PDB file of N, CA and C in Angstrom:
ATOM      1  N   UNK A   1     -62.215 -21.600 -64.844  1.00  0.00           N
ATOM      2  CA  UNK A   1     -63.554 -21.482 -65.684  1.00  0.00           C
ATOM      3  C   UNK A   1     -64.297 -22.914 -65.780  1.00  0.00           C
ATOM      4  N   UNK A   2     -65.506 -23.030 -65.841  1.00  0.00           N
ATOM      5  CA  UNK A   2     -65.992 -24.503 -66.388  1.00  0.00           C
ATOM      6  C   UNK A   2     -65.338 -24.831 -67.939  1.00  0.00           C
ATOM      7  N   UNK A   3     -65.231 -26.007 -67.882  1.00  0.00           N
ATOM      8  CA  UNK A   3     -64.784 -26.322 -69.158  1.00  0.00           C
ATOM      9  C   UNK A   3     -65.756 -26.397 -70.402  1.00  0.00           C
ATOM     10  N   UNK A   4     -66.984 -26.137 -69.967  1.00  0.00           N
ATOM     11  CA  UNK A   4     -68.002 -25.905 -71.390  1.00  0.00           C
ATOM     12  C   UNK A   4     -67.527 -24.164 -72.036  1.00  0.00           C
ATOM     13  N   UNK A   5     -67.100 -23.583 -70.774  1.00  0.00           N
ATOM     14  CA  UNK A   5     -66.608 -22.175 -71.205  1.00  0.00           C
ATOM     15  C   UNK A   5     -66.099 -22.238 -71.881  1.00  0.00           C
ATOM     16  N   UNK A   6     -64.616 -22.466 -71.669  1.00  0.00           N
ATOM     17  CA  UNK A   6     -63.558 -22.689 -72.447  1.00  0.00           C
ATOM     18  C   UNK A   6     -64.046 -23.501 -73.842  1.00  0.00           C
ATOM     19  N   UNK A   7     -64.600 -24.486 -73.948  1.00  0.00           N
ATOM     20  CA  UNK A   7     -64.999 -25.269 -75.294  1.00  0.00           C
ATOM     21  C   UNK A   7     -65.683 -24.059 -76.141  1.00  0.00           C
ATOM     22  N   UNK A   8     -66.276 -22.868 -75.842  1.00  0.00           N
ATOM     23  CA  UNK A   8     -67.301 -21.931 -76.515  1.00  0.00           C
ATOM     24  C   UNK A   8     -66.097 -21.313 -76.979  1.00  0.00           C
ATOM     25  N   UNK A   9     -64.789 -21.052 -76.747  1.00  0.00           N
ATOM     26  CA  UNK A   9     -63.840 -20.465 -77.361  1.00  0.00           C
ATOM     27  C   UNK A   9     -63.382 -20.916 -78.505  1.00  0.00           C
ATOM     28  N   UNK A  10     -63.222 -22.451 -78.880  1.00  0.00           N
ATOM     29  CA  UNK A  10     -62.487 -23.170 -79.768  1.00  0.00           C
ATOM     30  C   UNK A  10     -61.119 -22.937 -79.668  1.00  0.00           C
ATOM     31  N   UNK A  11     -60.333 -23.063 -80.896  1.00  0.00           N
ATOM     32  CA  UNK A  11     -59.103 -23.004 -80.536  1.00  0.00           C
ATOM     33  C   UNK A  11     -58.707 -21.498 -80.053  1.00  0.00           C
ATOM     34  N   UNK A  12     -57.936 -21.786 -78.874  1.00  0.00           N
ATOM     35  CA  UNK A  12     -57.315 -20.642 -78.089  1.00  0.00           C
ATOM     36  C   UNK A  12     -56.013 -20.738 -77.413  1.00  0.00           C
ATOM     37  N   UNK A  13     -55.518 -19.907 -77.179  1.00  0.00           N
ATOM     38  CA  UNK A  13     -54.108 -19.695 -76.387  1.00  0.00           C
ATOM     39  C   UNK A  13     -54.320 -18.797 -74.933  1.00  0.00           C
ATOM     40  N   UNK A  14     -53.694 -19.214 -74.092  1.00  0.00           N
ATOM     41  CA  UNK A  14     -53.682 -18.097 -73.098  1.00  0.00           C
ATOM     42  C   UNK A  14     -51.516 -17.806 -72.795  1.00  0.00           C
ATOM     43  N   UNK A  15     -51.716 -16.853 -72.371  1.00  0.00           N
ATOM     44  CA  UNK A  15     -50.253 -16.070 -72.557  1.00  0.00           C
ATOM     45  C   UNK A  15     -50.199 -15.787 -71.190  1.00  0.00           C
ATOM     46  N   UNK A  16     -49.191 -16.167 -70.282  1.00  0.00           N
ATOM     47  CA  UNK A  16     -48.942 -15.785 -68.628  1.00  0.00           C
ATOM     48  C   UNK A  16     -47.655 -15.157 -68.464  1.00  0.00           C
ATOM     49  N   UNK A  17     -47.910 -14.237 -67.574  1.00  0.00           N
ATOM     50  CA  UNK A  17     -46.542 -13.575 -67.521  1.00  0.00           C
ATOM     51  C   UNK A  17     -46.715 -12.941 -66.111  1.00  0.00           C
ATOM     52  N   UNK A  18     -45.478 -12.542 -65.483  1.00  0.00           N
ATOM     53  CA  UNK A  18     -45.362 -11.666 -64.146  1.00  0.00           C
ATOM     54  C   UNK A  18     -45.251 -10.201 -64.490  1.00  0.00           C
ATOM     55  N   UNK A  19     -46.045  -8.998 -63.839  1.00  0.00           N
ATOM     56  CA  UNK A  19     -45.425  -8.274 -64.170  1.00  0.00           C
ATOM     57  C   UNK A  19     -44.273  -7.671 -63.231  1.00  0.00           C
ATOM     58  N   UNK A  20     -43.337  -6.584 -63.543  1.00  0.00           N
ATOM     59  CA  UNK A  20     -42.432  -6.402 -62.524  1.00  0.00           C
ATOM     60  C   UNK A  20     -42.785  -5.991 -61.283  1.00  0.00           C
ATOM     61  N   UNK A  21     -44.092  -5.785 -60.880  1.00  0.00           N
ATOM     62  CA  UNK A  21     -44.618  -5.656 -59.635  1.00  0.00           C
ATOM     63  C   UNK A  21     -45.065  -7.133 -58.763  1.00  0.00           C
ATOM     64  N   UNK A  22     -44.852  -8.144 -59.516  1.00  0.00           N
ATOM     65  CA  UNK A  22     -45.239  -9.207 -59.189  1.00  0.00           C
ATOM     66  C   UNK A  22     -46.785  -9.598 -59.421  1.00  0.00           C
ATOM     67  N   UNK A  23     -47.530  -8.662 -59.936  1.00  0.00           N
ATOM     68  CA  UNK A  23     -48.848  -8.961 -60.346  1.00  0.00           C
ATOM     69  C   UNK A  23     -48.911 -10.306 -61.734  1.00  0.00           C
ATOM     70  N   UNK A  24     -49.745 -11.495 -61.512  1.00  0.00           N
ATOM     71  CA  UNK A  24     -50.011 -12.005 -62.446  1.00  0.00           C
ATOM     72  C   UNK A  24     -50.678 -11.672 -63.829  1.00  0.00           C
ATOM     73  N   UNK A  25     -50.353 -11.528 -65.052  1.00  0.00           N
ATOM     74  CA  UNK A  25     -51.473 -10.898 -65.986  1.00  0.00           C
ATOM     75  C   UNK A  25     -51.643 -12.299 -66.997  1.00  0.00           C
ATOM     76  N   UNK A  26     -52.868 -12.772 -67.467  1.00  0.00           N
ATOM     77  CA  UNK A  26     -53.148 -13.623 -68.291  1.00  0.00           C
ATOM     78  C   UNK A  26     -53.823 -12.915 -69.245  1.00  0.00           C
ATOM     79  N   UNK A  27     -53.523 -13.144 -70.878  1.00  0.00           N
ATOM     80  CA  UNK A  27     -54.133 -12.768 -71.555  1.00  0.00           C
ATOM     81  C   UNK A  27     -54.423 -14.088 -72.763  1.00  0.00           C
ATOM     82  N   UNK A  28     -55.861 -13.875 -72.762  1.00  0.00           N
ATOM     83  CA  UNK A  28     -56.536 -15.630 -73.625  1.00  0.00           C
ATOM     84  C   UNK A  28     -56.770 -14.474 -75.395  1.00  0.00           C
ATOM     85  N   UNK A  29     -56.316 -15.472 -76.155  1.00  0.00           N
ATOM     86  CA  UNK A  29     -56.341 -15.190 -77.395  1.00  0.00           C
ATOM     87  C   UNK A  29     -58.044 -16.320 -77.850  1.00  0.00           C
ATOM     88  N   UNK A  30     -59.075 -16.232 -78.263  1.00  0.00           N
ATOM     89  CA  UNK A  30     -59.642 -17.029 -78.496  1.00  0.00           C
ATOM     90  C   UNK A  30     -60.282 -17.384 -79.931  1.00  0.00           C
ATOM     91  N   UNK A  31     -61.268 -18.263 -80.380  1.00  0.00           N
ATOM     92  CA  UNK A  31     -61.436 -18.431 -81.841  1.00  0.00           C
ATOM     93  C   UNK A  31     -60.706 -18.709 -82.572  1.00  0.00           C
ATOM     94  N   UNK A  32     -59.593 -18.827 -82.626  1.00  0.00           N
ATOM     95  CA  UNK A  32     -58.739 -18.708 -83.450  1.00  0.00           C
ATOM     96  C   UNK A  32     -58.621 -19.729 -84.405  1.00  0.00           C
ATOM     97  N   UNK A  33     -58.136 -19.234 -85.603  1.00  0.00           N
ATOM     98  CA  UNK A  33     -57.879 -20.258 -86.867  1.00  0.00           C
ATOM     99  C   UNK A  33     -56.881 -21.117 -86.650  1.00  0.00           C
ATOM    100  N   UNK A  34     -55.648 -20.993 -86.073  1.00  0.00           N
ATOM    101  CA  UNK A  34     -54.299 -21.568 -85.783  1.00  0.00           C
ATOM    102  C   UNK A  34     -53.446 -20.800 -85.150  1.00  0.00           C
ATOM    103  N   UNK A  35     -52.590 -21.411 -84.577  1.00  0.00           N
ATOM    104  CA  UNK A  35     -51.317 -21.086 -83.691  1.00  0.00           C
ATOM    105  C   UNK A  35     -50.267 -21.872 -83.547  1.00  0.00           C
ATOM    106  N   UNK A  36     -49.001 -21.272 -83.904  1.00  0.00           N
ATOM    107  CA  UNK A  36     -47.934 -21.819 -83.944  1.00  0.00           C
ATOM    108  C   UNK A  36     -47.348 -22.399 -82.457  1.00  0.00           C
ATOM    109  N   UNK A  37     -48.016 -21.957 -81.638  1.00  0.00           N
ATOM    110  CA  UNK A  37     -47.264 -21.399 -80.324  1.00  0.00           C
ATOM    111  C   UNK A  37     -47.363 -23.135 -79.664  1.00  0.00           C
ATOM    112  N   UNK A  38     -46.543 -23.712 -79.046  1.00  0.00           N
ATOM    113  CA  UNK A  38     -46.795 -24.685 -78.150  1.00  0.00           C
ATOM    114  C   UNK A  38     -46.619 -24.586 -76.731  1.00  0.00           C
ATOM    115  N   UNK A  39     -47.104 -25.218 -75.523  1.00  0.00           N
ATOM    116  CA  UNK A  39     -47.027 -25.006 -74.267  1.00  0.00           C
ATOM    117  C   UNK A  39     -45.220 -24.672 -74.218  1.00  0.00           C
ATOM    118  N   UNK A  40     -45.286 -23.696 -73.020  1.00  0.00           N
ATOM    119  CA  UNK A  40     -44.062 -23.311 -72.653  1.00  0.00           C
ATOM    120  C   UNK A  40     -42.962 -22.097 -73.525  1.00  0.00           C
ATOM    121  N   UNK A  41     -43.457 -22.294 -74.756  1.00  0.00           N
ATOM    122  CA  UNK A  41     -43.021 -21.308 -75.620  1.00  0.00           C
ATOM    123  C   UNK A  41     -42.811 -19.998 -75.205  1.00  0.00           C
ATOM    124  N   UNK A  42     -41.850 -19.250 -75.565  1.00  0.00           N
ATOM    125  CA  UNK A  42     -41.241 -18.074 -75.353  1.00  0.00           C
ATOM    126  C   UNK A  42     -41.528 -17.054 -76.152  1.00  0.00           C
ATOM    127  N   UNK A  43     -42.394 -16.018 -75.917  1.00  0.00           N
ATOM    128  CA  UNK A  43     -42.538 -15.119 -77.321  1.00  0.00           C
ATOM    129  C   UNK A  43     -42.060 -13.713 -76.886  1.00  0.00           C
ATOM    130  N   UNK A  44     -41.897 -13.127 -77.893  1.00  0.00           N
ATOM    131  CA  UNK A  44     -41.310 -11.333 -77.341  1.00  0.00           C
ATOM    132  C   UNK A  44     -42.637 -10.678 -78.253  1.00  0.00           C
ATOM    133  N   UNK A  45     -42.371  -9.152 -78.048  1.00  0.00           N
ATOM    134  CA  UNK A  45     -43.476  -8.357 -78.592  1.00  0.00           C
ATOM    135  C   UNK A  45     -43.238  -8.290 -79.907  1.00  0.00           C
ATOM    136  N   UNK A  46     -44.479  -8.484 -80.761  1.00  0.00           N
ATOM    137  CA  UNK A  46     -44.531  -8.410 -82.275  1.00  0.00           C
ATOM    138  C   UNK A  46     -44.101  -9.545 -82.769  1.00  0.00           C
ATOM    139  N   UNK A  47     -44.041 -10.838 -82.146  1.00  0.00           N
ATOM    140  CA  UNK A  47     -44.073 -11.942 -82.675  1.00  0.00           C
ATOM    141  C   UNK A  47     -45.627 -12.314 -82.976  1.00  0.00           C
ATOM    142  N   UNK A  48     -45.762 -13.107 -84.214  1.00  0.00           N
ATOM    143  CA  UNK A  48     -47.256 -13.657 -84.765  1.00  0.00           C
ATOM    144  C   UNK A  48     -47.447 -14.737 -83.762  1.00  0.00           C
ATOM    145  N   UNK A  49     -48.324 -14.932 -83.471  1.00  0.00           N
ATOM    146  CA  UNK A  49     -48.746 -15.940 -82.115  1.00  0.00           C
ATOM    147  C   UNK A  49     -49.717 -16.715 -82.643  1.00  0.00           C
ATOM    148  N   UNK A  50     -50.896 -16.058 -83.578  1.00  0.00           N
ATOM    149  CA  UNK A  50     -51.959 -16.807 -83.853  1.00  0.00           C
ATOM    150  C   UNK A  50     -52.883 -16.171 -85.268  1.00  0.00           C
ATOM    151  N   UNK A  51     -53.691 -16.679 -86.090  1.00  0.00           N
ATOM    152  CA  UNK A  51     -54.621 -16.080 -86.833  1.00  0.00           C
ATOM    153  C   UNK A  51     -55.773 -16.117 -86.376  1.00  0.00           C
ATOM    154  N   UNK A  52     -56.609 -15.256 -86.727  1.00  0.00           N
ATOM    155  CA  UNK A  52     -57.979 -15.114 -86.255  1.00  0.00           C
ATOM    156  C   UNK A  52     -58.891 -15.997 -87.143  1.00  0.00           C
ATOM    157  N   UNK A  53     -60.047 -16.453 -86.222  1.00  0.00           N
ATOM    158  CA  UNK A  53     -60.666 -17.307 -86.751  1.00  0.00           C
ATOM    159  C   UNK A  53     -62.308 -17.313 -86.647  1.00  0.00           C
ATOM    160  N   UNK A  54     -62.792 -18.691 -86.736  1.00  0.00           N
ATOM    161  CA  UNK A  54     -64.122 -18.911 -86.059  1.00  0.00           C
ATOM    162  C   UNK A  54     -64.602 -20.006 -85.875  1.00  0.00           C
ATOM    163  N   UNK A  55     -63.794 -20.401 -84.859  1.00  0.00           N
ATOM    164  CA  UNK A  55     -64.083 -21.550 -83.949  1.00  0.00           C
ATOM    165  C   UNK A  55     -64.907 -21.548 -82.590  1.00  0.00           C
ATOM    166  N   UNK A  56     -64.904 -22.259 -81.928  1.00  0.00           N
ATOM    167  CA  UNK A  56     -65.952 -22.604 -81.136  1.00  0.00           C
ATOM    168  C   UNK A  56     -67.233 -22.245 -81.199  1.00  0.00           C
ATOM    169  N   UNK A  57     -67.923 -21.274 -80.363  1.00  0.00           N
ATOM    170  CA  UNK A  57     -69.571 -20.637 -80.688  1.00  0.00           C
ATOM    171  C   UNK A  57     -69.081 -19.499 -81.379  1.00  0.00           C
ATOM    172  N   UNK A  58     -68.344 -19.191 -82.383  1.00  0.00           N
ATOM    173  CA  UNK A  58     -67.971 -18.133 -83.477  1.00  0.00           C
ATOM    174  C   UNK A  58     -68.139 -18.824 -84.657  1.00  0.00           C
ATOM    175  N   UNK A  59     -68.584 -20.188 -84.578  1.00  0.00           N
ATOM    176  CA  UNK A  59     -68.436 -20.921 -86.161  1.00  0.00           C
ATOM    177  C   UNK A  59     -69.263 -20.069 -87.094  1.00  0.00           C
ATOM    178  N   UNK A  60     -70.310 -19.901 -86.744  1.00  0.00           N
ATOM    179  CA  UNK A  60     -71.436 -19.276 -87.567  1.00  0.00           C
ATOM    180  C   UNK A  60     -70.947 -17.627 -88.004  1.00  0.00           C
ATOM    181  N   UNK A  61     -70.241 -17.002 -87.377  1.00  0.00           N
ATOM    182  CA  UNK A  61     -70.110 -15.635 -87.443  1.00  0.00           C
ATOM    183  C   UNK A  61     -69.470 -15.060 -88.938  1.00  0.00           C
ATOM    184  N   UNK A  62     -70.156 -14.246 -89.398  1.00  0.00           N
ATOM    185  CA  UNK A  62     -69.579 -13.937 -90.725  1.00  0.00           C
ATOM    186  C   UNK A  62     -68.004 -13.553 -91.235  1.00  0.00           C
ATOM    187  N   UNK A  63     -67.272 -12.732 -89.895  1.00  0.00           N
ATOM    188  CA  UNK A  63     -65.691 -12.628 -90.407  1.00  0.00           C
ATOM    189  C   UNK A  63     -65.197 -13.184 -88.956  1.00  0.00           C
ATOM    190  N   UNK A  64     -64.088 -13.904 -89.664  1.00  0.00           N
ATOM    191  CA  UNK A  64     -62.975 -14.229 -88.623  1.00  0.00           C
ATOM    192  C   UNK A  64     -62.653 -13.254 -87.457  1.00  0.00           C
ATOM    193  N   UNK A  65     -62.322 -13.321 -86.429  1.00  0.00           N
ATOM    194  CA  UNK A  65     -61.790 -12.348 -85.463  1.00  0.00           C
ATOM    195  C   UNK A  65     -61.428 -13.131 -84.158  1.00  0.00           C
ATOM    196  N   UNK A  66     -60.877 -12.235 -83.167  1.00  0.00           N
ATOM    197  CA  UNK A  66     -60.387 -13.075 -82.202  1.00  0.00           C
ATOM    198  C   UNK A  66     -61.151 -12.280 -80.811  1.00  0.00           C
ATOM    199  N   UNK A  67     -61.251 -13.349 -80.251  1.00  0.00           N
ATOM    200  CA  UNK A  67     -61.839 -12.756 -78.659  1.00  0.00           C
ATOM    201  C   UNK A  67     -60.664 -12.395 -77.556  1.00  0.00           C
ATOM    202  N   UNK A  68     -60.030 -11.216 -76.983  1.00  0.00           N
ATOM    203  CA  UNK A  68     -59.259 -10.969 -76.503  1.00  0.00           C
ATOM    204  C   UNK A  68     -59.784 -10.804 -74.837  1.00  0.00           C
ATOM    205  N   UNK A  69     -58.877 -11.415 -74.273  1.00  0.00           N
ATOM    206  CA  UNK A  69     -59.768 -11.300 -72.638  1.00  0.00           C
ATOM    207  C   UNK A  69     -58.407 -11.075 -71.600  1.00  0.00           C
ATOM    208  N   UNK A  70     -58.185 -10.197 -70.613  1.00  0.00           N
ATOM    209  CA  UNK A  70     -57.039  -9.574 -70.128  1.00  0.00           C
ATOM    210  C   UNK A  70     -57.625 -10.289 -68.811  1.00  0.00           C
ATOM    211  N   UNK A  71     -56.832 -11.033 -67.768  1.00  0.00           N
ATOM    212  CA  UNK A  71     -56.954 -10.807 -66.367  1.00  0.00           C
ATOM    213  C   UNK A  71     -55.566 -10.457 -65.706  1.00  0.00           C
ATOM    214  N   UNK A  72     -55.907  -9.723 -64.450  1.00  0.00           N
ATOM    215  CA  UNK A  72     -54.996  -9.653 -63.961  1.00  0.00           C
ATOM    216  C   UNK A  72     -55.191  -9.594 -62.547  1.00  0.00           C
ATOM    217  N   UNK A  73     -54.336 -10.989 -61.931  1.00  0.00           N
ATOM    218  CA  UNK A  73     -54.456 -11.262 -60.556  1.00  0.00           C
ATOM    219  C   UNK A  73     -56.052 -12.008 -60.751  1.00  0.00           C
ATOM    220  N   UNK A  74     -56.480 -12.283 -61.378  1.00  0.00           N
ATOM    221  CA  UNK A  74     -57.685 -13.573 -61.615  1.00  0.00           C
ATOM    222  C   UNK A  74     -58.995 -12.245 -61.938  1.00  0.00           C
ATOM    223  N   UNK A  75     -58.579 -11.269 -62.281  1.00  0.00           N
ATOM    224  CA  UNK A  75     -59.796 -10.021 -62.347  1.00  0.00           C
ATOM    225  C   UNK A  75     -59.654  -9.451 -63.620  1.00  0.00           C
ATOM    226  N   UNK A  76     -60.741  -9.688 -64.090  1.00  0.00           N
ATOM    227  CA  UNK A  76     -61.074  -9.553 -65.691  1.00  0.00           C
ATOM    228  C   UNK A  76     -60.655  -7.945 -66.048  1.00  0.00           C
ATOM    229  N   UNK A  77     -60.134  -7.568 -66.743  1.00  0.00           N
ATOM    230  CA  UNK A  77     -59.726  -5.866 -67.329  1.00  0.00           C
ATOM    231  C   UNK A  77     -60.353  -5.734 -68.498  1.00  0.00           C
ATOM    232  N   UNK A  78     -60.181  -4.237 -68.886  1.00  0.00           N
ATOM    233  CA  UNK A  78     -60.462  -3.960 -69.968  1.00  0.00           C
ATOM    234  C   UNK A  78     -59.027  -4.094 -71.192  1.00  0.00           C
ATOM    235  N   UNK A  79     -59.495  -4.819 -72.349  1.00  0.00           N
ATOM    236  CA  UNK A  79     -58.302  -5.296 -72.963  1.00  0.00           C
ATOM    237  C   UNK A  79     -57.769  -4.186 -73.817  1.00  0.00           C
ATOM    238  N   UNK A  80     -58.474  -3.443 -73.874  1.00  0.00           N
ATOM    239  CA  UNK A  80     -57.897  -1.931 -74.764  1.00  0.00           C
ATOM    240  C   UNK A  80     -57.150  -1.116 -73.791  1.00  0.00           C
ATOM    241  N   UNK A  81     -56.804  -1.420 -72.426  1.00  0.00           N
ATOM    242  CA  UNK A  81     -55.846  -0.622 -71.728  1.00  0.00           C
ATOM    243  C   UNK A  81     -54.749  -1.527 -72.250  1.00  0.00           C
ATOM    244  N   UNK A  82     -54.680  -2.796 -72.645  1.00  0.00           N
ATOM    245  CA  UNK A  82     -53.220  -3.408 -72.694  1.00  0.00           C
ATOM    246  C   UNK A  82     -52.732  -3.476 -74.009  1.00  0.00           C
ATOM    247  N   UNK A  83     -53.819  -2.956 -75.028  1.00  0.00           N
ATOM    248  CA  UNK A  83     -52.879  -2.605 -76.210  1.00  0.00           C
ATOM    249  C   UNK A  83     -53.031  -1.434 -77.238  1.00  0.00           C
ATOM    250  N   UNK A  84     -52.104  -1.260 -78.159  1.00  0.00           N
ATOM    251  CA  UNK A  84     -51.955   0.318 -78.532  1.00  0.00           C
ATOM    252  C   UNK A  84     -52.997   0.458 -79.407  1.00  0.00           C
ATOM    253  N   UNK A  85     -53.808  -0.290 -79.799  1.00  0.00           N
ATOM    254  CA  UNK A  85     -55.028  -0.021 -80.709  1.00  0.00           C
ATOM    255  C   UNK A  85     -55.918   0.641 -80.091  1.00  0.00           C
ATOM    256  N   UNK A  86     -56.725   1.587 -80.259  1.00  0.00           N
ATOM    257  CA  UNK A  86     -57.819   2.348 -79.475  1.00  0.00           C
ATOM    258  C   UNK A  86     -58.982   2.357 -80.420  1.00  0.00           C
ATOM    259  N   UNK A  87     -60.094   1.834 -79.899  1.00  0.00           N
ATOM    260  CA  UNK A  87     -61.332   1.754 -80.642  1.00  0.00           C
ATOM    261  C   UNK A  87     -62.207   3.053 -80.268  1.00  0.00           C
ATOM    262  N   UNK A  88     -63.368   2.838 -80.885  1.00  0.00           N
ATOM    263  CA  UNK A  88     -64.533   4.460 -80.552  1.00  0.00           C
ATOM    264  C   UNK A  88     -65.677   3.621 -79.921  1.00  0.00           C
ATOM    265  N   UNK A  89     -66.614   4.271 -79.385  1.00  0.00           N
ATOM    266  CA  UNK A  89     -67.970   3.620 -79.047  1.00  0.00           C
ATOM    267  C   UNK A  89     -68.441   2.566 -79.974  1.00  0.00           C
ATOM    268  N   UNK A  90     -68.260   2.696 -80.953  1.00  0.00           N
ATOM    269  CA  UNK A  90     -68.977   1.784 -81.975  1.00  0.00           C
ATOM    270  C   UNK A  90     -68.128   0.378 -82.193  1.00  0.00           C
ATOM    271  N   UNK A  91     -67.021   0.507 -81.774  1.00  0.00           N
ATOM    272  CA  UNK A  91     -65.916  -0.907 -81.595  1.00  0.00           C
ATOM    273  C   UNK A  91     -65.229  -0.744 -82.941  1.00  0.00           C
ATOM    274  N   UNK A  92     -64.990   0.642 -83.833  1.00  0.00           N
ATOM    275  CA  UNK A  92     -64.344   0.543 -85.094  1.00  0.00           C
ATOM    276  C   UNK A  92     -62.940   1.461 -84.473  1.00  0.00           C
ATOM    277  N   UNK A  93     -61.909   0.559 -84.974  1.00  0.00           N
ATOM    278  CA  UNK A  93     -60.561   0.875 -84.414  1.00  0.00           C
ATOM    279  C   UNK A  93     -59.959   2.288 -85.234  1.00  0.00           C
ATOM    280  N   UNK A  94     -58.919   2.932 -84.650  1.00  0.00           N
ATOM    281  CA  UNK A  94     -58.612   3.832 -84.754  1.00  0.00           C
ATOM    282  C   UNK A  94     -57.901   3.889 -86.542  1.00  0.00           C
ATOM    283  N   UNK A  95     -58.030   2.783 -87.160  1.00  0.00           N
ATOM    284  CA  UNK A  95     -57.344   2.361 -88.122  1.00  0.00           C
ATOM    285  C   UNK A  95     -55.814   2.107 -88.288  1.00  0.00           C
ATOM    286  N   UNK A  96     -55.241   1.800 -87.100  1.00  0.00           N
ATOM    287  CA  UNK A  96     -54.067   1.240 -86.737  1.00  0.00           C
ATOM    288  C   UNK A  96     -54.207  -0.192 -86.589  1.00  0.00           C
ATOM    289  N   UNK A  97     -53.615  -1.409 -86.844  1.00  0.00           N
ATOM    290  CA  UNK A  97     -53.380  -2.433 -86.589  1.00  0.00           C
ATOM    291  C   UNK A  97     -53.753  -2.807 -85.437  1.00  0.00           C
ATOM    292  N   UNK A  98     -54.022  -3.812 -84.973  1.00  0.00           N
ATOM    293  CA  UNK A  98     -54.280  -4.354 -83.405  1.00  0.00           C
ATOM    294  C   UNK A  98     -52.780  -4.909 -82.804  1.00  0.00           C
ATOM    295  N   UNK A  99     -51.935  -4.327 -81.819  1.00  0.00           N
ATOM    296  CA  UNK A  99     -50.867  -4.192 -81.634  1.00  0.00           C
ATOM    297  C   UNK A  99     -51.141  -4.490 -79.942  1.00  0.00           C
TER     298      UNK A  99
END
């Protein structure tokens, strides 16, 4: 993607992995306040990876948040299919924290 597009994300991290079937999965978390991860860190499910924020083009939004993007073999997918927290049509979660 063009550099200016990534700049609009502010602070971001990409987590890359290979699924058991060989497909590449990239999960992007953007507009972060901070992250303690460094390049090539190994993480496991449940690890704290970052804090939500208002960076990039989200600097003037009212509340900190995280932009979540999932790409499988380069194709953007619905991120809700990859997390256990579910949302209704208004974007309100089912009451569980995002996992």
